[in-house]
Amino acid sequence: MTTMELDGLVRSIGIPPQPALLAQLQAEMARPEPDLRRIASLVSADVAMTASVIRVVNSPAYASSRRIETVDQAVSLLGMRQVAALVTGLVVRNVLRADGPQLTRFWDASSKRAYAMSRLARGMQGVEVGVAQTFGLMCDVGIPLLMQRFPDYGRTLKACNEDPTRPFTDVEREIHGTDHAFIGGLMARTWGLSDVVVMAIRRHHDYSIFQEADAPPVVIRIVAMGLVAEAAIQRFAGMNQSHEWAKGGDLAMGALVLSDSGLDDWMDELNDSFASGIA
């Protein structure tokens, strides 16, 4: 596919523009001294977003010892970066309005991945919780976009998941000329997300990154943590053999300096959380 053809394909997929709320939040967070009250005010100006943020923050996933009644309290409890990650996830669901069994599974997996990434970031260190959570929410955002563009994309996903050797994205590109990691990375960049998140999304099925001496360590850790999170989700779903883990799991464990027993502990903890309805 030529560059011109690829550009045309990308345009036909239609990357949603960055919502105004996210642009305003990012502008405030980029200031030398962000104003937490201003951040809370921006979110509170959207009644539906306010209700969604308060509902989520009061869910078991956040295990707050007190009930949160306002966005100001949510910002004080979680910090601005976690609130921004939470808002990003809620905005994505509003922008990509799509349904059907496959998308129901997609949103469920995204929720579980975001929780798992935030939990891993707290326990393993080296990655900001908000960054990890944003990656968890956004890493597969190209999938619903490609579903909308290609009526047969569901069959492509099945082929990708069943291929034991080739990279997931290679299978997509062979069939459609592009892949969900590339499209997701474009959307993340369009939405003004950090270069770290954009690169991690672009590379999250490219396990050669674990052996690249010049790859940013934080991106390597995010991709590795994403593989652990995905393996936990697969195990919870009763799929004990994951081709993705077989392709990159050992390298991910090496990147995280994670032993077999350490991995089992994380898997057990995440599965207990999923079973209890936390995510």
Protein backbone atom coordinates (compact mmCIF):
# COMPACT_ATOMS: atom_id res chain seq x y z
CA MET A 1 0.00 0.00 0.00
CA THR A 2 1.38 3.40 -0.99
CA THR A 3 1.56 6.35 1.41
CA MET A 4 -1.27 8.03 -0.50
CA GLU A 5 -3.44 4.92 -0.27
CA LEU A 6 -2.72 4.61 3.46
CA ASP A 7 -3.62 8.27 4.01
CA GLY A 8 -6.88 7.72 2.16
CA LEU A 9 -7.65 4.64 4.26
CA VAL A 10 -6.98 6.51 7.49
CA ARG A 11 -9.28 9.34 6.39
CA SER A 12 -12.01 6.85 5.54
CA ILE A 13 -11.77 5.33 9.02
CA GLY A 14 -12.45 8.73 10.56
CA ILE A 15 -10.40 9.43 13.69
CA PRO A 16 -12.75 11.31 16.06
CA PRO A 17 -11.52 14.84 16.86
CA GLN A 18 -10.30 15.61 20.36
CA PRO A 19 -13.26 16.54 22.57
CA ALA A 20 -13.13 20.08 23.96
CA LEU A 21 -13.20 18.86 27.57
CA LEU A 22 -10.02 16.83 27.11
CA ALA A 23 -8.27 19.73 25.38
CA GLN A 24 -9.16 22.04 28.27
CA LEU A 25 -8.03 19.52 30.88
CA GLN A 26 -4.72 18.93 29.13
CA ALA A 27 -4.12 22.68 28.79
CA GLU A 28 -4.64 23.17 32.52
CA MET A 29 -2.49 20.18 33.44
CA ALA A 30 0.32 21.49 31.22
CA ARG A 31 0.57 24.72 33.22
CA PRO A 32 3.57 25.07 35.57
CA GLU A 33 1.17 25.04 38.53
CA PRO A 34 -2.12 23.37 37.56
CA ASP A 35 -5.16 24.57 39.48
CA LEU A 36 -7.00 21.55 40.91
CA ARG A 37 -10.11 23.65 41.44
CA ARG A 38 -10.05 24.65 37.77
CA ILE A 39 -9.75 20.99 36.76
CA ALA A 40 -12.71 20.09 38.97
CA SER A 41 -14.67 23.01 37.55
CA LEU A 42 -14.06 21.90 33.95
CA VAL A 43 -15.38 18.42 34.66
CA SER A 44 -18.28 19.71 36.77
CA ALA A 45 -19.48 21.92 33.90
CA ASP A 46 -20.65 18.73 32.12
CA VAL A 47 -23.55 17.34 34.16
CA ALA A 48 -23.45 13.88 32.57
CA MET A 49 -19.67 13.65 32.99
CA THR A 50 -19.95 14.75 36.62
CA ALA A 51 -22.48 12.01 37.35
CA SER A 52 -20.33 9.40 35.59
CA VAL A 53 -17.14 10.41 37.42
CA ILE A 54 -18.82 10.34 40.84
CA ARG A 55 -20.46 6.99 40.09
CA VAL A 56 -17.17 5.42 39.02
CA VAL A 57 -15.15 6.88 41.90
CA ASN A 58 -17.67 5.45 44.36
CA SER A 59 -17.44 1.99 42.75
CA PRO A 60 -15.49 -0.87 44.39
CA ALA A 61 -12.61 -0.28 41.95
CA TYR A 62 -11.52 2.77 43.94
CA ALA A 63 -12.24 1.36 47.40
CA SER A 64 -12.76 4.80 48.93
CA SER A 65 -13.28 4.85 52.69
CA ARG A 66 -15.81 7.65 52.32
CA ARG A 67 -18.51 8.45 49.82
CA ILE A 68 -17.51 11.01 47.20
CA GLU A 69 -20.18 13.61 46.53
CA THR A 70 -18.43 16.13 44.25
CA VAL A 71 -15.79 16.25 41.52
CA ASP A 72 -13.65 18.41 43.83
CA GLN A 73 -13.55 15.53 46.31
CA ALA A 74 -12.72 13.09 43.50
CA VAL A 75 -9.77 15.25 42.39
CA SER A 76 -8.54 15.54 45.98
CA LEU A 77 -8.80 11.79 46.47
CA LEU A 78 -7.34 10.58 43.16
CA GLY A 79 -5.22 13.47 41.91
CA MET A 80 -5.58 15.29 38.63
CA ARG A 81 -3.88 12.69 36.43
CA GLN A 82 -6.08 9.83 37.53
CA VAL A 83 -9.19 11.96 37.14
CA ALA A 84 -8.00 12.92 33.65
CA ALA A 85 -7.50 9.23 32.82
CA LEU A 86 -10.98 8.46 34.13
CA VAL A 87 -12.52 11.28 32.08
CA THR A 88 -10.62 10.08 28.99
CA GLY A 89 -12.16 6.63 29.32
CA LEU A 90 -15.66 8.00 29.77
CA VAL A 91 -15.24 10.32 26.78
CA VAL A 92 -14.04 7.44 24.60
CA ARG A 93 -17.23 5.51 25.33
CA ASN A 94 -19.36 8.54 24.47
CA VAL A 95 -17.49 9.25 21.24
CA LEU A 96 -17.35 5.66 19.99
CA ARG A 97 -21.02 4.88 20.36
CA ALA A 98 -21.28 1.33 19.12
CA ASP A 99 -22.89 -1.81 20.43
CA GLY A 100 -23.22 -5.50 19.69
CA PRO A 101 -21.73 -8.56 21.40
CA GLN A 102 -18.17 -7.93 20.25
CA LEU A 103 -18.20 -4.31 21.45
CA THR A 104 -19.74 -5.35 24.77
CA ARG A 105 -16.76 -7.66 25.28
CA PHE A 106 -14.44 -4.87 24.14
CA TRP A 107 -15.70 -2.38 26.74
CA ASP A 108 -15.61 -5.03 29.47
CA ALA A 109 -12.01 -5.92 28.61
CA SER A 110 -11.05 -2.22 28.47
CA SER A 111 -12.47 -1.66 31.95
CA LYS A 112 -10.65 -4.67 33.36
CA ARG A 113 -7.41 -3.71 31.62
CA ALA A 114 -7.54 -0.16 32.94
CA TYR A 115 -8.06 -1.43 36.49
CA ALA A 116 -5.31 -4.05 36.12
CA MET A 117 -2.86 -1.50 34.72
CA SER A 118 -3.51 0.95 37.55
CA ARG A 119 -3.10 -1.81 40.13
CA LEU A 120 0.12 -3.06 38.54
CA ALA A 121 1.48 0.50 38.38
CA ARG A 122 0.88 0.93 42.11
CA GLY A 123 2.58 -2.35 42.93
CA MET A 124 5.47 -2.44 40.48
CA GLN A 125 6.41 1.25 40.31
CA GLY A 126 8.14 2.88 37.35
CA VAL A 127 4.93 3.99 35.60
CA GLU A 128 2.55 6.73 36.73
CA VAL A 129 -0.84 5.31 37.67
CA GLY A 130 -2.71 7.75 35.42
CA VAL A 131 -0.49 6.92 32.44
CA ALA A 132 -0.93 3.18 33.00
CA GLN A 133 -4.70 3.58 33.34
CA THR A 134 -4.94 5.69 30.19
CA PHE A 135 -2.99 3.09 28.22
CA GLY A 136 -5.30 0.36 29.56
CA LEU A 137 -8.33 2.27 28.36
CA MET A 138 -6.93 3.35 24.99
CA CYS A 139 -4.62 0.60 23.75
CA ASP A 140 -7.32 -1.21 21.75
CA VAL A 141 -9.39 1.84 20.82
CA GLY A 142 -8.55 1.21 17.17
CA ILE A 143 -10.68 -1.95 17.25
CA PRO A 144 -14.13 -0.29 17.30
CA LEU A 145 -12.94 2.18 14.66
CA LEU A 146 -11.91 -0.67 12.36
CA MET A 147 -15.16 -2.50 13.11
CA GLN A 148 -17.06 0.52 11.88
CA ARG A 149 -14.92 0.75 8.73
CA PHE A 150 -14.72 -2.94 7.76
CA PRO A 151 -17.87 -5.10 8.01
CA ASP A 152 -15.77 -8.29 8.09
CA TYR A 153 -13.39 -7.09 10.82
CA GLY A 154 -14.89 -9.55 13.31
CA ARG A 155 -13.47 -12.40 11.23
CA THR A 156 -10.12 -10.62 11.19
CA LEU A 157 -10.08 -10.47 15.00
CA LYS A 158 -10.76 -14.20 15.13
CA ALA A 159 -7.87 -14.87 12.73
CA CYS A 160 -5.56 -12.63 14.78
CA ASN A 161 -6.45 -14.33 18.04
CA GLU A 162 -5.99 -17.80 16.58
CA ASP A 163 -2.61 -17.23 14.92
CA PRO A 164 0.05 -18.79 17.18
CA THR A 165 3.13 -17.20 15.62
CA ARG A 166 2.57 -14.04 13.61
CA PRO A 167 2.19 -10.69 15.36
CA PHE A 168 -1.47 -9.74 15.82
CA THR A 169 -0.99 -6.53 13.84
CA ASP A 170 0.71 -8.33 10.92
CA VAL A 171 -2.48 -10.35 10.38
CA GLU A 172 -4.58 -7.17 10.43
CA ARG A 173 -2.33 -5.38 7.95
CA GLU A 174 -2.33 -8.34 5.58
CA ILE A 175 -6.14 -8.24 5.40
CA HIS A 176 -6.97 -4.54 5.74
CA GLY A 177 -3.77 -2.62 5.03
CA THR A 178 -3.64 -1.17 8.54
CA ASP A 179 -3.98 -2.32 12.15
CA HIS A 180 -5.67 -1.28 15.37
CA ALA A 181 -2.42 -0.32 17.12
CA PHE A 182 -1.55 2.14 14.35
CA ILE A 183 -5.06 3.62 14.29
CA GLY A 184 -5.22 3.73 18.09
CA GLY A 185 -1.88 5.53 18.21
CA LEU A 186 -3.15 8.11 15.69
CA MET A 187 -6.25 8.71 17.79
CA ALA A 188 -4.18 9.04 20.96
CA ARG A 189 -1.93 11.60 19.26
CA THR A 190 -4.93 13.46 17.83
CA TRP A 191 -6.38 13.62 21.33
CA GLY A 192 -3.19 15.11 22.74
CA LEU A 193 -2.16 12.17 24.89
CA SER A 194 1.48 11.88 25.96
CA ASP A 195 4.17 10.55 23.63
CA VAL A 196 4.68 7.67 26.09
CA VAL A 197 1.04 6.55 25.76
CA VAL A 198 1.07 7.02 21.98
CA MET A 199 4.23 4.92 21.56
CA ALA A 200 3.00 2.22 23.95
CA ILE A 201 -0.26 1.92 22.01
CA ARG A 202 1.62 1.75 18.71
CA ARG A 203 4.00 -0.95 20.00
CA HIS A 204 1.79 -3.04 22.30
CA HIS A 205 1.77 -6.03 19.93
CA ASP A 206 5.38 -5.54 18.80
CA TYR A 207 7.38 -7.57 21.30
CA SER A 208 10.68 -6.77 19.61
CA ILE A 209 10.54 -3.63 21.75
CA PHE A 210 11.74 -5.70 24.73
CA GLN A 211 15.07 -6.22 22.99
CA GLU A 212 15.63 -2.66 21.76
CA ALA A 213 18.38 -0.91 23.72
CA ASP A 214 17.12 2.57 22.78
CA ALA A 215 13.42 2.02 23.52
CA PRO A 216 12.17 4.22 26.41
CA PRO A 217 12.14 2.08 29.60
CA VAL A 218 8.73 3.42 30.63
CA VAL A 219 7.21 2.32 27.31
CA ILE A 220 8.78 -1.13 27.68
CA ARG A 221 7.29 -1.44 31.18
CA ILE A 222 3.84 -0.35 29.98
CA VAL A 223 3.84 -2.88 27.13
CA ALA A 224 5.02 -5.60 29.54
CA MET A 225 2.39 -4.69 32.14
CA GLY A 226 -0.22 -4.69 29.39
CA LEU A 227 0.69 -8.29 28.55
CA VAL A 228 0.31 -9.30 32.21
CA ALA A 229 -3.05 -7.52 32.39
CA GLU A 230 -4.23 -9.19 29.18
CA ALA A 231 -3.14 -12.62 30.42
CA ALA A 232 -5.11 -12.09 33.64
CA ILE A 233 -8.22 -11.10 31.69
CA GLN A 234 -7.85 -14.17 29.48
CA ARG A 235 -7.43 -16.43 32.50
CA PHE A 236 -10.50 -14.93 34.16
CA ALA A 237 -12.48 -15.63 30.97
CA GLY A 238 -11.42 -19.29 31.18
CA MET A 239 -8.95 -19.03 28.30
CA ASN A 240 -5.89 -20.54 29.91
CA GLN A 241 -3.81 -20.58 26.72
CA SER A 242 -3.05 -17.12 25.35
CA HIS A 243 -1.17 -16.86 22.06
CA GLU A 244 -0.15 -13.29 22.92
CA TRP A 245 1.40 -14.42 26.20
CA ALA A 246 3.16 -17.26 24.37
CA LYS A 247 4.61 -14.73 21.92
CA GLY A 248 5.83 -12.17 24.44
CA GLY A 249 5.21 -13.34 28.00
CA ASP A 250 8.75 -14.45 28.85
CA LEU A 251 10.18 -11.19 27.52
CA ALA A 252 7.60 -9.21 29.49
CA MET A 253 8.51 -11.01 32.71
CA GLY A 254 12.16 -10.24 32.05
CA ALA A 255 11.39 -6.56 31.49
CA LEU A 256 9.48 -6.43 34.78
CA VAL A 257 12.00 -8.63 36.63
CA LEU A 258 9.05 -10.83 37.54
CA SER A 259 9.46 -14.43 38.75
CA ASP A 260 7.01 -17.25 38.05
CA SER A 261 5.71 -17.04 41.61
CA GLY A 262 5.45 -13.25 41.37
CA LEU A 263 3.44 -13.58 38.19
CA ASP A 264 1.12 -16.13 39.82
CA ASP A 265 0.56 -13.77 42.75
CA TRP A 266 -0.42 -10.95 40.41
CA MET A 267 -2.69 -13.23 38.38
CA ASP A 268 -4.44 -14.44 41.54
CA GLU A 269 -4.91 -10.89 42.86
CA LEU A 270 -6.28 -9.55 39.58
CA ASN A 271 -8.60 -12.52 39.09
CA ASP A 272 -9.93 -12.12 42.63
CA SER A 273 -10.63 -8.46 41.84
CA PHE A 274 -12.42 -9.32 38.61
CA ALA A 275 -14.48 -12.01 40.36
CA SER A 276 -15.56 -9.59 43.07
CA GLY A 277 -16.83 -7.11 40.50
CA ILE A 278 -14.19 -4.46 41.18
CA ALA A 279 -13.55 -4.15 37.46
